[in-house]
Amino acid sequence: MFLTISALALTGLLLALLLRFRALGIGAAVVAVLFGFYLSRTGAAESIDQIMGALADAVRNVGP
């Protein structure tokens, strides 16, 4: 659950920064948010969650 909240916060921050620096318009931001919302309600959500978990484990294991 902690990873999910962190990934959500990170993507939200990235979306906010894109809006702030005008690299993304309001319409495109709404589409991105709606796409993420609807994607989470599909069968792909579990696969995406597993991939994000594997990436988090890989990043955690990188280092000395």
C-alpha atoms as a PDB file:
ATOM      1  CA  MET A   1       0.000   0.000   0.000  1.00  0.00           C
ATOM      2  CA  PHE A   2       2.880   2.376   0.797  1.00  0.00           C
ATOM      3  CA  LEU A   3       4.273   1.913  -2.720  1.00  0.00           C
ATOM      4  CA  THR A   4       0.904   2.667  -4.302  1.00  0.00           C
ATOM      5  CA  ILE A   5       0.558   5.914  -2.392  1.00  0.00           C
ATOM      6  CA  SER A   6       4.131   6.888  -3.257  1.00  0.00           C
ATOM      7  CA  ALA A   7       3.632   6.141  -6.951  1.00  0.00           C
ATOM      8  CA  LEU A   8       0.392   8.102  -6.897  1.00  0.00           C
ATOM      9  CA  ALA A   9       2.078  11.058  -5.213  1.00  0.00           C
ATOM     10  CA  LEU A  10       4.998  10.938  -7.640  1.00  0.00           C
ATOM     11  CA  THR A  11       2.815  10.858 -10.745  1.00  0.00           C
ATOM     12  CA  GLY A  12       0.594  13.583  -9.296  1.00  0.00           C
ATOM     13  CA  LEU A  13       3.632  15.753  -8.647  1.00  0.00           C
ATOM     14  CA  LEU A  14       4.924  15.125 -12.165  1.00  0.00           C
ATOM     15  CA  LEU A  15       1.538  16.067 -13.629  1.00  0.00           C
ATOM     16  CA  ALA A  16       1.447  19.229 -11.501  1.00  0.00           C
ATOM     17  CA  LEU A  17       4.954  20.197 -12.647  1.00  0.00           C
ATOM     18  CA  LEU A  18       4.039  19.637 -16.283  1.00  0.00           C
ATOM     19  CA  LEU A  19       1.047  21.911 -15.818  1.00  0.00           C
ATOM     20  CA  ARG A  20       3.106  24.522 -13.949  1.00  0.00           C
ATOM     21  CA  PHE A  21       5.748  24.778 -16.660  1.00  0.00           C
ATOM     22  CA  ARG A  22       3.111  24.705 -19.389  1.00  0.00           C
ATOM     23  CA  ALA A  23       4.473  21.512 -20.916  1.00  0.00           C
ATOM     24  CA  LEU A  24       0.977  20.103 -20.670  1.00  0.00           C
ATOM     25  CA  GLY A  25      -2.339  21.832 -21.183  1.00  0.00           C
ATOM     26  CA  ILE A  26      -5.327  21.568 -18.876  1.00  0.00           C
ATOM     27  CA  GLY A  27      -7.219  19.411 -21.387  1.00  0.00           C
ATOM     28  CA  ALA A  28      -4.330  16.973 -21.721  1.00  0.00           C
ATOM     29  CA  ALA A  29      -3.983  16.804 -17.932  1.00  0.00           C
ATOM     30  CA  VAL A  30      -7.663  15.928 -17.573  1.00  0.00           C
ATOM     31  CA  VAL A  31      -7.286  13.221 -20.205  1.00  0.00           C
ATOM     32  CA  ALA A  32      -4.205  11.837 -18.397  1.00  0.00           C
ATOM     33  CA  VAL A  33      -6.051  11.734 -15.063  1.00  0.00           C
ATOM     34  CA  LEU A  34      -9.138  10.118 -16.579  1.00  0.00           C
ATOM     35  CA  PHE A  35      -6.993   7.578 -18.440  1.00  0.00           C
ATOM     36  CA  GLY A  36      -5.261   6.600 -15.206  1.00  0.00           C
ATOM     37  CA  PHE A  37      -8.580   6.370 -13.393  1.00  0.00           C
ATOM     38  CA  TYR A  38     -10.185   4.140 -16.003  1.00  0.00           C
ATOM     39  CA  LEU A  39      -7.019   2.056 -16.450  1.00  0.00           C
ATOM     40  CA  SER A  40      -7.049   1.254 -12.735  1.00  0.00           C
ATOM     41  CA  ARG A  41     -10.513  -0.258 -13.132  1.00  0.00           C
ATOM     42  CA  THR A  42      -9.436  -2.738 -15.834  1.00  0.00           C
ATOM     43  CA  GLY A  43      -7.764  -6.105 -15.704  1.00  0.00           C
ATOM     44  CA  ALA A  44      -4.457  -4.414 -16.527  1.00  0.00           C
ATOM     45  CA  ALA A  45      -4.322  -2.800 -13.085  1.00  0.00           C
ATOM     46  CA  GLU A  46      -2.969  -5.945 -11.412  1.00  0.00           C
ATOM     47  CA  SER A  47      -0.230  -6.359 -14.034  1.00  0.00           C
ATOM     48  CA  ILE A  48       0.770  -2.711 -13.749  1.00  0.00           C
ATOM     49  CA  ASP A  49       0.875  -3.043  -9.964  1.00  0.00           C
ATOM     50  CA  GLN A  50       3.168  -6.075 -10.248  1.00  0.00           C
ATOM     51  CA  ILE A  51       5.478  -4.268 -12.685  1.00  0.00           C
ATOM     52  CA  MET A  52       5.675  -1.223 -10.399  1.00  0.00           C
ATOM     53  CA  GLY A  53       6.425  -3.499  -7.440  1.00  0.00           C
ATOM     54  CA  ALA A  54       9.220  -5.207  -9.378  1.00  0.00           C
ATOM     55  CA  LEU A  55      10.678  -1.835 -10.393  1.00  0.00           C
ATOM     56  CA  ALA A  56      10.535  -0.609  -6.788  1.00  0.00           C
ATOM     57  CA  ASP A  57      12.341  -3.754  -5.618  1.00  0.00           C
ATOM     58  CA  ALA A  58      14.976  -3.301  -8.337  1.00  0.00           C
ATOM     59  CA  VAL A  59      15.574   0.330  -7.363  1.00  0.00           C
ATOM     60  CA  ARG A  60      15.717  -0.615  -3.677  1.00  0.00           C
ATOM     61  CA  ASN A  61      18.382  -3.275  -4.406  1.00  0.00           C
ATOM     62  CA  VAL A  62      20.603  -0.958  -6.476  1.00  0.00           C
ATOM     63  CA  GLY A  63      23.471   0.486  -4.524  1.00  0.00           C
ATOM     64  CA  PRO A  64      26.377  -0.509  -2.360  1.00  0.00           C
END
